[in-house]
Amino acid sequence: MRDNPNLSPKQTDRIRSVAQLLSVQTGEVLYEPSQPDVPMFIALEGIVAISKTG
């Protein structure tokens, strides 16, 4: 994992110890506004786009 410019390595390790690692494919939707619980996402690699349709 590359260094995150906003999190120290210690913070990243702490998050990894309690988080669920998820691999996603291009175009996959991670969250819909209709979902009652808002999870927290941290991208370790790649690009994330946030968009709203309609």
C-alpha atoms as a PDB file:
ATOM      1  CA  MET A   1       0.000   0.000   0.000  1.00  0.00           C
ATOM      2  CA  ARG A   2       1.262   3.436  -0.851  1.00  0.00           C
ATOM      3  CA  ASP A   3       1.511   6.082   1.813  1.00  0.00           C
ATOM      4  CA  ASN A   4      -1.713   8.007   2.309  1.00  0.00           C
ATOM      5  CA  PRO A   5      -1.079  11.777   2.332  1.00  0.00           C
ATOM      6  CA  ASN A   6      -3.731  12.297   5.031  1.00  0.00           C
ATOM      7  CA  LEU A   7      -3.126   9.334   7.321  1.00  0.00           C
ATOM      8  CA  SER A   8       0.053   8.293   9.086  1.00  0.00           C
ATOM      9  CA  PRO A   9       1.205   4.679   8.730  1.00  0.00           C
ATOM     10  CA  LYS A  10       0.159   4.128  12.364  1.00  0.00           C
ATOM     11  CA  GLN A  11      -3.363   5.420  11.640  1.00  0.00           C
ATOM     12  CA  THR A  12      -3.617   3.282   8.507  1.00  0.00           C
ATOM     13  CA  ASP A  13      -2.526   0.175  10.436  1.00  0.00           C
ATOM     14  CA  ARG A  14      -5.124   0.903  13.143  1.00  0.00           C
ATOM     15  CA  ILE A  15      -7.900   1.219  10.559  1.00  0.00           C
ATOM     16  CA  ARG A  16      -6.803  -2.009   8.845  1.00  0.00           C
ATOM     17  CA  SER A  17      -7.017  -3.847  12.179  1.00  0.00           C
ATOM     18  CA  VAL A  18     -10.756  -3.149  12.493  1.00  0.00           C
ATOM     19  CA  ALA A  19     -11.866  -2.672   8.880  1.00  0.00           C
ATOM     20  CA  GLN A  20     -13.169  -5.031   6.250  1.00  0.00           C
ATOM     21  CA  LEU A  21     -10.976  -5.065   3.145  1.00  0.00           C
ATOM     22  CA  LEU A  22     -13.088  -4.965   0.000  1.00  0.00           C
ATOM     23  CA  SER A  23     -11.981  -5.251  -3.610  1.00  0.00           C
ATOM     24  CA  VAL A  24     -14.276  -3.625  -6.159  1.00  0.00           C
ATOM     25  CA  GLN A  25     -14.473  -3.561  -9.935  1.00  0.00           C
ATOM     26  CA  THR A  26     -14.610  -0.565 -12.255  1.00  0.00           C
ATOM     27  CA  GLY A  27     -18.138   0.875 -12.302  1.00  0.00           C
ATOM     28  CA  GLU A  28     -19.233  -0.871  -9.119  1.00  0.00           C
ATOM     29  CA  VAL A  29     -21.496   1.217  -6.872  1.00  0.00           C
ATOM     30  CA  LEU A  30     -20.332   1.326  -3.255  1.00  0.00           C
ATOM     31  CA  TYR A  31     -23.187   3.324  -1.757  1.00  0.00           C
ATOM     32  CA  GLU A  32     -26.729   4.371  -2.666  1.00  0.00           C
ATOM     33  CA  PRO A  33     -28.432   7.322  -0.912  1.00  0.00           C
ATOM     34  CA  SER A  34     -31.368   5.067  -0.018  1.00  0.00           C
ATOM     35  CA  GLN A  35     -29.125   2.955   2.244  1.00  0.00           C
ATOM     36  CA  PRO A  36     -29.885   3.715   5.915  1.00  0.00           C
ATOM     37  CA  ASP A  37     -26.319   3.295   7.195  1.00  0.00           C
ATOM     38  CA  VAL A  38     -23.458   5.253   5.704  1.00  0.00           C
ATOM     39  CA  PRO A  39     -20.229   3.238   5.783  1.00  0.00           C
ATOM     40  CA  MET A  40     -16.803   4.827   5.754  1.00  0.00           C
ATOM     41  CA  PHE A  41     -14.627   4.124   2.745  1.00  0.00           C
ATOM     42  CA  ILE A  42     -10.869   4.529   2.464  1.00  0.00           C
ATOM     43  CA  ALA A  43      -9.363   3.904  -0.965  1.00  0.00           C
ATOM     44  CA  LEU A  44      -6.019   2.149  -0.695  1.00  0.00           C
ATOM     45  CA  GLU A  45      -5.443   2.095  -4.452  1.00  0.00           C
ATOM     46  CA  GLY A  46      -7.157   3.340  -7.574  1.00  0.00           C
ATOM     47  CA  ILE A  47      -9.619   6.145  -8.229  1.00  0.00           C
ATOM     48  CA  VAL A  48     -13.015   6.797  -6.674  1.00  0.00           C
ATOM     49  CA  ALA A  49     -15.644   8.963  -8.363  1.00  0.00           C
ATOM     50  CA  ILE A  50     -18.564  10.481  -6.474  1.00  0.00           C
ATOM     51  CA  SER A  51     -21.591  11.367  -8.536  1.00  0.00           C
ATOM     52  CA  LYS A  52     -25.287  12.063  -8.223  1.00  0.00           C
ATOM     53  CA  THR A  53     -27.698  11.330 -11.041  1.00  0.00           C
ATOM     54  CA  GLY A  54     -31.062  12.887 -11.689  1.00  0.00           C
END
